Amino acid sequence: MEKRFSSRSMKQSYDWRLIGIYLALVFIGLVNIYASIHSSEPSSIFDLSVRSGMQCIWIATAFGLAALILFVIPPRVWEGAALPMYLGVLFLLVVVIFVGVDVKGSRSWFSFGPVRFQPAEISKITTSLLLALIISSQNFKMNRLKDFMKVALVIAIPMLVIVAEKETGSALVYTGFIFMLYREGLSGWILAFIGVTILMFILTLTASPYTAIVVLLAIAMLANSLRGREAVRNTLICAAVVAVLVFLPSYISKPMYVLIGLVVVAVPVLCYLAYKHKNGFLFFTVIGTVIGIMLSFSTDIIFNKVMQEHQRKRIEVLLGIKDDPAGVGYNVNQSMIAIGSGGFSGKGYLHGTQTTYGFVPEQSTDFIFCTVGEEWGFLGCLLVIGLYIALIWRIITDAEKSREHFTRVYGYCVASCLFMHLFINIGMTIGLMPVIGIPLPMMSYGGSSLWGFTIMIFIFVVLDHQEKKYF
C-alpha cells in the first residue's frame, strides 16, 4: 500500500513522553551520583575532579549521540547495517580479552587514557538489531528448528564471549531476550523449562542432587497428569510415586542409583509411547527431564569451575548457605541498612548518613539505588521504579502499534534489556539477587552504560518516528 507523507509536526511524530522519562532518569541519576560522593567537604556538582562532574560530560556526549541518531543518521541505516555492526562488535568483544585492562578481575574494558569503553554495552544494541533483522525477514518461523537455531546462536555467541571476559552480570542480561522470543511465537514451555532449570540449580546447591531430581520428576509427572483425560487419577498416581521417592533414602543407603536406574528404564518406554500416540508434550517433558538431570549433575562443575570465587561466595550468602555480613555480604548488608533507614519519605537530599560517610561501596555505580532509598525514602524508590515501568511500558506500547516487524522486534529487545537491568540491579541492592556488578540504566555512573542505553533507546525512538511520519 502506498504511504502518504503526513504533515504531522515533530511534536506529534516523536514520542516525547518516552524521551521525557529518559531525561528524568538521567537527571535523577546525576543528582544521586553527586549525593553518593558528597562528603563533609562538598564540591560543586559540576566539578570535573569528582564523578558527578564527569557524569555531566557523559550526559552531554550522550545527548549529542541522541541528536545524531534523531536528526542526522537515516533510520533505515540501522536495519541495513545490523549484520556488519554485530560482527564488528563481536570482534571487539574477543579482542578486549587479550588487550583490555583488568578491572576487578574482568578483562572487558578498553582504556584510552582517562576514558574507558566496554564493548559489552554496545553488544546488546547490535544483538538486538540483528535479532530484529532475522525475525522480521520473510518466511521466518520461530517454531522451525533452523530459524530458532539462528536466533539462539545470535544471542549465545556474544553471551559466551562476555562470560569469557568474566562479566557474568552483562552476560545474564542476554537471557532477557527470551521475553522477546516469547512475544514472537516461542513456546511458553521454554520459559517454564528455564524456570525449572534455575530451580534445579538452587535445589542442588541448597539441598542435594537427589532432592532436585525428585522435584523435577514431580513437576514433569504433574504437568502430564493434568493434561490427560483422567487428571484426578493420574495426579494421585503421581503423588504416590513422588511419596515413594521422598521416603526412599530412609530405607536404601544409595537411593540415587535406584532413581537413575528407574529413569534409564522409563525414558525409552515413555519416548516410545509418545511416538506411538503422537504425544508431543510427553516427548518434550521426557527430553526436558533428561536434560534437567544432566544439569543437576553438572551444577557442581558450573559452580566450582566456571564461576569465580567471589561469585560463589555471593551466591552462597544469598541462598543462606553461608553467613558473611562483614565479608562478601557487606555491600548488600550496608545497602539494605541504607534503604531501610530512609523510611517512608527519606532523610532528605544530601542528609543520608550511610551515603555521606561512605558505608556502601560502589554507591555511585552498582548501588546507586540505595542512595535513592536512604535520602528519598519509599516514595523516592516508588517514583524511580514507576519511571522505569513507564519507560518499558511506553516502549512496548509503541512497539505493538508498529506496522514494521523490524521495529516491533527491536522495541521488545530494548524493553527486555531494560527490564533485566532493572530487575537484577534493584534485586541486588535489596538482597534478592547476587552481587554481579550491573548498572542501573541511565542512573549509575559511567559513560559506556549511559551511551549504550542512550543509543539503544533513541534508535527505537527514531524507528518509531519514521512510521509516525506517515498515515
Protein backbone atom coordinates (compact mmCIF):
# COMPACT_ATOMS: atom_id res chain seq x y z
CA MET A 1 0.00 0.00 0.00
CA GLU A 2 1.37 3.40 -0.93
CA LYS A 3 2.33 5.56 2.01
CA ARG A 4 1.34 9.21 2.06
CA PHE A 5 3.56 11.72 3.76
CA SER A 6 1.88 13.29 6.75
CA SER A 7 2.14 16.93 7.72
CA ARG A 8 2.26 15.98 11.37
CA SER A 9 4.65 18.17 13.33
CA MET A 10 7.79 16.95 15.04
CA LYS A 11 5.95 17.37 18.35
CA GLN A 12 3.37 14.81 17.25
CA SER A 13 5.61 12.30 15.48
CA TYR A 14 8.27 11.83 18.17
CA ASP A 15 7.32 10.04 21.38
CA TRP A 16 8.18 12.89 23.70
CA ARG A 17 6.76 11.09 26.72
CA LEU A 18 9.33 8.36 26.25
CA ILE A 19 12.08 10.94 25.78
CA GLY A 20 10.84 12.83 28.84
CA ILE A 21 11.06 9.72 31.03
CA TYR A 22 14.58 9.08 29.74
CA LEU A 23 15.62 12.66 30.62
CA ALA A 24 14.04 12.41 34.07
CA LEU A 25 16.00 9.25 34.87
CA VAL A 26 19.25 10.79 33.59
CA PHE A 27 18.92 13.86 35.81
CA ILE A 28 17.72 11.87 38.83
CA GLY A 29 20.81 9.73 38.31
CA LEU A 30 23.06 12.80 38.20
CA VAL A 31 21.81 14.30 41.47
CA ASN A 32 22.08 10.92 43.18
CA ILE A 33 25.61 10.36 41.89
CA TYR A 34 26.50 13.72 43.44
CA ALA A 35 24.82 12.66 46.70
CA SER A 36 26.75 9.37 46.71
CA ILE A 37 30.13 11.17 46.57
CA HIS A 38 29.04 14.09 48.77
CA SER A 39 31.06 14.47 51.98
CA SER A 40 31.69 16.92 54.80
CA GLU A 41 33.76 18.98 52.34
CA PRO A 42 31.40 19.14 49.37
CA SER A 43 32.44 20.24 45.90
CA SER A 44 30.29 21.51 43.07
CA ILE A 45 28.15 19.00 41.19
CA PHE A 46 29.95 20.16 38.03
CA ASP A 47 33.47 19.72 39.45
CA LEU A 48 35.32 17.58 36.89
CA SER A 49 37.59 16.14 39.57
CA VAL A 50 34.68 14.14 41.03
CA ARG A 51 32.30 11.62 39.48
CA SER A 52 29.30 13.93 39.26
CA GLY A 53 31.30 16.34 37.09
CA MET A 54 32.50 13.53 34.85
CA GLN A 55 28.92 12.27 34.58
CA CYS A 56 27.94 15.72 33.25
CA ILE A 57 30.40 15.13 30.41
CA TRP A 58 28.95 11.68 29.73
CA ILE A 59 25.44 13.17 29.74
CA ALA A 60 26.41 15.93 27.31
CA THR A 61 28.02 13.43 24.92
CA ALA A 62 25.03 11.09 25.30
CA PHE A 63 22.70 13.92 24.27
CA GLY A 64 24.96 14.54 21.30
CA LEU A 65 24.65 10.88 20.29
CA ALA A 66 20.87 11.11 20.70
CA ALA A 67 20.70 14.17 18.44
CA LEU A 68 22.91 12.44 15.87
CA ILE A 69 20.55 9.45 15.80
CA LEU A 70 17.42 11.59 15.65
CA PHE A 71 18.39 14.19 13.07
CA VAL A 72 21.46 13.04 11.09
CA ILE A 73 21.64 9.26 10.63
CA PRO A 74 18.95 7.90 8.26
CA PRO A 75 16.68 5.47 10.19
CA ARG A 76 16.99 2.72 7.57
CA VAL A 77 20.74 2.53 8.18
CA TRP A 78 20.14 0.52 11.34
CA GLU A 79 18.41 -2.30 9.50
CA GLY A 80 20.96 -2.46 6.70
CA ALA A 81 23.98 -2.26 9.00
CA ALA A 82 22.74 -4.77 11.59
CA LEU A 83 24.95 -7.68 10.47
CA PRO A 84 28.25 -5.78 9.93
CA MET A 85 27.76 -3.92 13.23
CA TYR A 86 27.12 -7.21 15.04
CA LEU A 87 30.27 -8.78 13.59
CA GLY A 88 32.34 -5.66 14.32
CA VAL A 89 31.30 -5.51 17.98
CA LEU A 90 31.76 -9.28 18.31
CA PHE A 91 35.34 -8.77 17.08
CA LEU A 92 35.85 -6.11 19.80
CA LEU A 93 34.44 -8.46 22.44
CA VAL A 94 37.08 -11.04 21.53
CA VAL A 95 39.95 -8.55 21.20
CA VAL A 96 39.29 -6.94 24.59
CA ILE A 97 40.01 -10.28 26.30
CA PHE A 98 43.62 -10.04 25.09
CA VAL A 99 44.34 -6.30 25.09
CA GLY A 100 41.80 -4.89 27.55
CA VAL A 101 42.61 -3.66 31.05
CA ASP A 102 41.85 -5.78 34.10
CA VAL A 103 39.10 -4.21 36.23
CA LYS A 104 38.23 -6.22 39.35
CA GLY A 105 39.15 -9.50 37.67
CA SER A 106 37.27 -8.76 34.44
CA ARG A 107 39.03 -8.09 31.13
CA SER A 108 36.17 -6.34 29.37
CA TRP A 109 37.36 -2.72 29.14
CA PHE A 110 39.40 -0.81 26.57
CA SER A 111 41.36 2.02 28.14
CA PHE A 112 42.18 5.25 26.29
CA GLY A 113 43.87 7.37 28.92
CA PRO A 114 41.20 8.56 31.39
CA VAL A 115 38.40 7.15 29.21
CA ARG A 116 37.32 3.52 29.38
CA PHE A 117 35.00 1.78 26.97
CA GLN A 118 33.17 -1.53 27.47
CA PRO A 119 32.07 -3.15 24.17
CA ALA A 120 29.63 -5.41 26.07
CA GLU A 121 27.35 -2.36 26.48
CA ILE A 122 27.20 -1.85 22.70
CA SER A 123 26.86 -5.57 22.04
CA LYS A 124 23.31 -5.54 23.45
CA ILE A 125 22.37 -3.00 20.77
CA THR A 126 23.92 -4.85 17.83
CA THR A 127 22.46 -8.16 19.03
CA SER A 128 19.01 -6.54 19.24
CA LEU A 129 19.32 -5.11 15.74
CA LEU A 130 20.42 -8.43 14.20
CA LEU A 131 17.65 -10.31 16.02
CA ALA A 132 15.13 -7.81 14.64
CA LEU A 133 16.56 -8.24 11.12
CA ILE A 134 16.41 -12.06 11.22
CA ILE A 135 12.98 -12.38 12.84
CA SER A 136 11.41 -9.76 10.56
CA SER A 137 12.74 -11.47 7.43
CA GLN A 138 10.32 -13.18 5.07
CA ASN A 139 9.29 -16.77 5.83
CA PHE A 140 10.85 -16.73 9.31
CA LYS A 141 9.06 -19.10 11.71
CA MET A 142 10.02 -19.27 15.36
CA ASN A 143 8.79 -22.86 15.74
CA ARG A 144 11.02 -24.07 12.88
CA LEU A 145 14.24 -25.55 14.28
CA LYS A 146 16.52 -23.97 11.66
CA ASP A 147 15.14 -20.48 12.31
CA PHE A 148 15.16 -20.91 16.07
CA MET A 149 18.81 -22.00 15.98
CA LYS A 150 19.70 -18.83 14.07
CA VAL A 151 18.37 -16.53 16.77
CA ALA A 152 19.75 -18.79 19.52
CA LEU A 153 23.25 -18.51 18.06
CA VAL A 154 22.96 -14.73 17.63
CA ILE A 155 22.24 -14.49 21.36
CA ALA A 156 24.57 -17.25 22.59
CA ILE A 157 27.80 -16.24 20.78
CA PRO A 158 28.30 -12.76 22.33
CA MET A 159 26.91 -14.04 25.62
CA LEU A 160 29.57 -16.77 25.83
CA VAL A 161 32.35 -14.36 24.83
CA ILE A 162 31.23 -11.97 27.59
CA VAL A 163 31.32 -14.87 30.06
CA ALA A 164 34.91 -15.49 28.89
CA GLU A 165 35.61 -11.84 29.82
CA LYS A 166 34.36 -12.73 33.33
CA GLU A 167 31.45 -10.30 33.01
CA THR A 168 28.74 -12.62 34.31
CA GLY A 169 26.32 -9.77 35.02
CA SER A 170 26.38 -8.42 31.46
CA ALA A 171 26.02 -11.95 30.08
CA LEU A 172 22.98 -12.59 32.28
CA VAL A 173 21.16 -9.68 30.62
CA TYR A 174 21.08 -11.67 27.37
CA THR A 175 18.66 -14.16 28.95
CA GLY A 176 16.10 -11.35 28.86
CA PHE A 177 15.76 -11.77 25.10
CA ILE A 178 13.61 -14.81 25.90
CA PHE A 179 10.70 -12.40 26.54
CA MET A 180 11.01 -11.01 23.03
CA LEU A 181 11.21 -14.53 21.58
CA TYR A 182 8.07 -15.47 23.51
CA ARG A 183 6.25 -12.48 22.01
CA GLU A 184 7.35 -13.64 18.55
CA GLY A 185 5.98 -17.16 18.95
CA LEU A 186 8.36 -19.13 21.17
CA SER A 187 6.53 -21.76 23.20
CA GLY A 188 5.76 -20.81 26.79
CA TRP A 189 7.11 -24.20 27.83
CA ILE A 190 10.60 -22.94 27.02
CA LEU A 191 10.11 -20.25 29.67
CA ALA A 192 8.87 -22.93 32.07
CA PHE A 193 11.96 -25.03 31.30
CA ILE A 194 14.24 -22.08 32.11
CA GLY A 195 12.40 -21.54 35.40
CA VAL A 196 12.73 -25.21 36.32
CA THR A 197 16.45 -25.11 35.39
CA ILE A 198 17.02 -22.24 37.85
CA LEU A 199 15.05 -24.15 40.50
CA MET A 200 17.19 -27.26 39.88
CA PHE A 201 20.38 -25.22 40.29
CA ILE A 202 19.20 -23.75 43.60
CA LEU A 203 17.93 -27.07 44.99
CA THR A 204 21.14 -28.87 44.03
CA LEU A 205 23.20 -26.28 45.92
CA THR A 206 20.96 -25.90 48.96
CA ALA A 207 19.69 -29.49 49.33
CA SER A 208 21.10 -32.30 47.17
CA PRO A 209 21.04 -33.57 43.56
CA TYR A 210 18.61 -36.29 44.67
CA THR A 211 16.13 -33.72 46.00
CA ALA A 212 16.44 -31.64 42.83
CA ILE A 213 15.77 -34.65 40.59
CA VAL A 214 12.75 -35.76 42.65
CA VAL A 215 11.25 -32.25 42.38
CA LEU A 216 11.93 -32.25 38.62
CA LEU A 217 10.21 -35.64 38.20
CA ALA A 218 7.26 -34.43 40.26
CA ILE A 219 6.83 -31.35 38.06
CA ALA A 220 7.11 -33.40 34.84
CA MET A 221 4.63 -36.05 36.03
CA LEU A 222 2.15 -33.47 37.34
CA ALA A 223 2.26 -31.50 34.06
CA ASN A 224 1.42 -34.65 32.08
CA SER A 225 -1.22 -35.78 34.60
CA LEU A 226 -3.16 -32.52 34.39
CA ARG A 227 -3.24 -32.70 30.57
CA GLY A 228 -4.69 -36.22 30.48
CA ARG A 229 -8.33 -37.24 30.37
CA GLU A 230 -8.28 -38.75 33.86
CA ALA A 231 -6.46 -35.90 35.58
CA VAL A 232 -7.53 -36.76 39.16
CA ARG A 233 -6.49 -40.42 38.94
CA ASN A 234 -3.20 -39.59 37.22
CA THR A 235 -2.43 -36.90 39.80
CA LEU A 236 -2.99 -39.34 42.66
CA ILE A 237 -0.66 -41.86 41.00
CA CYS A 238 1.91 -39.07 40.55
CA ALA A 239 1.62 -38.18 44.26
CA ALA A 240 2.11 -41.84 45.26
CA VAL A 241 5.25 -42.20 43.12
CA VAL A 242 6.73 -38.97 44.49
CA ALA A 243 5.96 -40.09 48.06
CA VAL A 244 7.87 -43.33 47.46
CA LEU A 245 10.84 -41.40 46.08
CA VAL A 246 10.78 -38.98 49.03
CA PHE A 247 10.93 -41.78 51.62
CA LEU A 248 13.32 -43.97 49.61
CA PRO A 249 16.51 -42.56 51.26
CA SER A 250 15.20 -43.75 54.65
CA TYR A 251 15.31 -47.39 53.57
CA ILE A 252 18.11 -47.55 50.95
CA SER A 253 21.70 -46.43 51.50
CA LYS A 254 22.26 -45.24 47.93
CA PRO A 255 18.87 -44.09 46.62
CA MET A 256 20.42 -42.13 43.73
CA TYR A 257 21.39 -45.39 41.97
CA VAL A 258 17.82 -46.67 42.22
CA LEU A 259 16.43 -43.35 40.97
CA ILE A 260 18.77 -43.19 37.96
CA GLY A 261 18.01 -46.83 37.19
CA LEU A 262 14.28 -46.08 37.11
CA VAL A 263 14.88 -43.09 34.84
CA VAL A 264 17.06 -45.10 32.43
CA VAL A 265 14.34 -47.74 32.12
CA ALA A 266 11.45 -45.27 31.90
CA VAL A 267 12.88 -42.87 29.30
CA PRO A 268 12.90 -45.21 26.24
CA VAL A 269 9.47 -46.59 27.23
CA LEU A 270 7.95 -43.14 27.54
CA CYS A 271 9.58 -41.95 24.29
CA TYR A 272 8.07 -44.98 22.51
CA LEU A 273 4.62 -44.24 23.96
CA ALA A 274 4.94 -40.58 22.96
CA TYR A 275 5.81 -41.59 19.39
CA LYS A 276 3.06 -44.21 19.20
CA HIS A 277 0.32 -41.91 20.46
CA LYS A 278 1.79 -38.80 18.80
CA ASN A 279 2.02 -37.07 22.16
CA GLY A 280 4.46 -34.25 21.58
CA PHE A 281 4.03 -32.85 25.09
CA LEU A 282 5.06 -36.15 26.69
CA PHE A 283 8.13 -36.37 24.45
CA PHE A 284 9.11 -32.77 25.28
CA THR A 285 8.80 -33.34 29.05
CA VAL A 286 10.79 -36.60 28.89
CA ILE A 287 13.65 -34.93 26.97
CA GLY A 288 13.43 -31.88 29.24
CA THR A 289 13.64 -34.11 32.31
CA VAL A 290 16.73 -35.88 30.97
CA ILE A 291 18.39 -32.52 30.27
CA GLY A 292 17.40 -31.32 33.76
CA ILE A 293 19.01 -34.37 35.37
CA MET A 294 22.19 -33.76 33.38
CA LEU A 295 22.17 -30.12 34.51
CA SER A 296 21.76 -31.22 38.11
CA PHE A 297 24.89 -33.35 37.89
CA SER A 298 26.78 -30.53 36.14
CA THR A 299 25.83 -27.90 38.74
CA ASP A 300 28.91 -28.72 40.81
CA ILE A 301 31.16 -28.22 37.77
CA ILE A 302 29.47 -24.92 36.84
CA PHE A 303 29.56 -23.64 40.41
CA ASN A 304 33.11 -24.63 41.28
CA LYS A 305 34.91 -24.49 37.92
CA VAL A 306 33.13 -21.84 35.81
CA MET A 307 32.16 -19.28 38.44
CA GLN A 308 34.76 -17.14 40.16
CA GLU A 309 35.37 -17.42 43.89
CA HIS A 310 33.72 -14.09 44.75
CA GLN A 311 30.65 -15.07 42.69
CA ARG A 312 30.39 -18.40 44.51
CA LYS A 313 30.61 -16.68 47.87
CA ARG A 314 27.93 -14.14 46.94
CA ILE A 315 25.53 -16.89 45.80
CA GLU A 316 26.21 -18.87 48.99
CA VAL A 317 25.39 -15.80 51.10
CA LEU A 318 22.28 -15.06 49.02
CA LEU A 319 20.96 -18.63 49.35
CA GLY A 320 21.74 -18.74 53.07
CA ILE A 321 24.38 -21.45 52.71
CA LYS A 322 26.89 -19.16 54.44
CA ASP A 323 26.56 -16.00 56.53
CA ASP A 324 29.26 -13.39 55.97
CA PRO A 325 27.94 -9.89 56.81
CA ALA A 326 31.45 -8.49 57.21
CA GLY A 327 32.84 -10.09 54.03
CA VAL A 328 31.14 -10.74 50.70
CA GLY A 329 27.75 -9.89 52.23
CA TYR A 330 28.97 -6.47 53.40
CA ASN A 331 27.83 -4.49 50.36
CA VAL A 332 24.30 -5.88 50.39
CA ASN A 333 24.03 -5.60 54.17
CA GLN A 334 25.02 -1.93 54.12
CA SER A 335 22.77 -1.29 51.12
CA MET A 336 19.73 -2.73 52.91
CA ILE A 337 20.56 -0.69 56.03
CA ALA A 338 20.70 2.46 53.88
CA ILE A 339 17.40 1.73 52.12
CA GLY A 340 15.66 0.69 55.35
CA SER A 341 16.85 3.77 57.24
CA GLY A 342 15.19 6.02 54.66
CA GLY A 343 11.74 5.14 55.94
CA PHE A 344 8.70 6.46 54.11
CA SER A 345 9.92 9.86 52.90
CA GLY A 346 13.72 9.64 53.35
CA LYS A 347 16.28 11.60 55.38
CA GLY A 348 16.43 14.42 52.88
CA TYR A 349 18.74 15.19 49.97
CA LEU A 350 22.43 15.14 51.00
CA HIS A 351 21.46 14.10 54.54
CA GLY A 352 21.92 10.34 54.25
CA THR A 353 24.40 9.13 56.85
CA GLN A 354 25.18 5.81 55.13
CA THR A 355 25.73 7.76 51.92
CA THR A 356 27.67 10.73 53.30
CA TYR A 357 30.12 8.60 55.28
CA GLY A 358 30.68 6.05 52.50
CA PHE A 359 29.43 2.91 54.23
CA VAL A 360 28.17 1.42 50.95
CA PRO A 361 30.94 0.56 48.45
CA GLU A 362 30.34 1.28 44.74
CA GLN A 363 27.41 3.51 45.69
CA SER A 364 27.63 5.74 42.62
CA THR A 365 27.64 2.75 40.24
CA ASP A 366 26.10 -0.63 41.11
CA PHE A 367 24.44 0.52 44.35
CA ILE A 368 23.06 3.91 43.27
CA PHE A 369 19.53 2.78 44.16
CA CYS A 370 20.32 2.66 47.89
CA THR A 371 21.10 6.40 47.72
CA VAL A 372 17.54 6.94 46.50
CA GLY A 373 16.21 4.70 49.27
CA GLU A 374 18.06 6.46 52.08
CA GLU A 375 17.60 10.09 51.04
CA TRP A 376 14.24 9.88 49.24
CA GLY A 377 12.70 7.01 51.15
CA PHE A 378 9.92 4.69 49.99
CA LEU A 379 8.30 7.49 47.99
CA GLY A 380 11.51 8.14 46.07
CA CYS A 381 12.01 4.42 45.34
CA LEU A 382 8.40 4.22 44.16
CA LEU A 383 8.94 7.21 41.86
CA VAL A 384 12.11 5.78 40.31
CA ILE A 385 10.67 2.29 39.81
CA GLY A 386 7.49 3.88 38.43
CA LEU A 387 9.53 5.82 35.87
CA TYR A 388 11.29 2.64 34.73
CA ILE A 389 8.00 0.77 34.45
CA ALA A 390 6.53 3.68 32.48
CA LEU A 391 9.57 3.70 30.17
CA ILE A 392 9.37 -0.04 29.49
CA TRP A 393 5.59 0.11 29.08
CA ARG A 394 5.88 3.03 26.66
CA ILE A 395 8.40 1.14 24.52
CA ILE A 396 6.23 -1.98 24.45
CA THR A 397 3.12 0.07 23.59
CA ASP A 398 4.88 1.82 20.70
CA ALA A 399 6.32 -1.49 19.52
CA GLU A 400 2.86 -3.11 19.48
CA LYS A 401 1.46 -0.25 17.42
CA SER A 402 4.25 -0.54 14.87
CA ARG A 403 3.41 -1.80 11.40
CA GLU A 404 7.06 -2.64 10.75
CA HIS A 405 8.03 -6.05 12.10
CA PHE A 406 11.65 -4.90 12.49
CA THR A 407 10.65 -2.00 14.76
CA ARG A 408 8.41 -4.19 16.90
CA VAL A 409 11.06 -6.85 17.49
CA TYR A 410 13.74 -4.27 18.23
CA GLY A 411 11.41 -2.49 20.66
CA TYR A 412 10.82 -5.69 22.59
CA CYS A 413 14.59 -6.31 22.69
CA VAL A 414 15.12 -2.84 24.21
CA ALA A 415 12.35 -3.40 26.76
CA SER A 416 13.81 -6.81 27.68
CA CYS A 417 17.30 -5.39 28.27
CA LEU A 418 15.95 -2.54 30.40
CA PHE A 419 13.84 -4.94 32.45
CA MET A 420 16.75 -7.29 33.12
CA HIS A 421 19.00 -4.44 34.25
CA LEU A 422 16.25 -3.04 36.49
CA PHE A 423 15.37 -6.44 38.00
CA ILE A 424 18.95 -7.54 38.62
CA ASN A 425 20.26 -4.20 39.93
CA ILE A 426 17.44 -3.45 42.35
CA GLY A 427 17.26 -7.12 43.36
CA MET A 428 20.98 -6.90 44.10
CA THR A 429 20.63 -3.85 46.36
CA ILE A 430 17.83 -5.39 48.45
CA GLY A 431 19.40 -8.85 48.76
CA LEU A 432 17.21 -10.77 46.32
CA MET A 433 19.95 -11.26 43.70
CA PRO A 434 23.68 -11.97 43.99
CA VAL A 435 26.03 -9.01 43.59
CA ILE A 436 27.19 -9.37 39.98
CA GLY A 437 28.06 -5.78 39.09
CA ILE A 438 25.42 -4.46 36.74
CA PRO A 439 24.44 -0.78 36.37
CA LEU A 440 21.02 0.81 36.82
CA PRO A 441 20.11 2.21 33.36
CA MET A 442 20.67 5.96 32.94
CA MET A 443 21.26 6.42 36.69
CA SER A 444 24.52 4.64 37.52
CA TYR A 445 27.80 6.47 36.99
CA GLY A 446 29.66 5.60 33.79
CA GLY A 447 29.96 6.65 30.17
CA SER A 448 29.76 3.23 28.48
CA SER A 449 26.49 2.35 30.20
CA LEU A 450 24.86 5.74 29.58
CA TRP A 451 25.97 5.86 25.95
CA GLY A 452 24.83 2.29 25.37
CA PHE A 453 21.34 2.84 26.76
CA THR A 454 21.02 6.21 25.03
CA ILE A 455 21.88 4.73 21.63
CA MET A 456 19.61 1.75 22.24
CA ILE A 457 16.59 3.84 23.26
CA PHE A 458 16.96 6.56 20.62
CA ILE A 459 17.35 4.06 17.79
CA PHE A 460 13.91 2.82 18.80
CA VAL A 461 12.60 6.39 19.08
CA VAL A 462 13.73 7.22 15.54
CA LEU A 463 12.40 3.94 14.12
CA ASP A 464 9.05 4.68 15.76
CA HIS A 465 9.18 8.26 14.47
CA GLN A 466 9.83 7.04 10.93
CA GLU A 467 6.49 5.25 10.90
CA LYS A 468 4.57 8.10 12.57
CA LYS A 469 5.57 10.44 9.75
CA TYR A 470 3.14 8.52 7.56
CA PHE A 471 -0.54 7.71 7.87
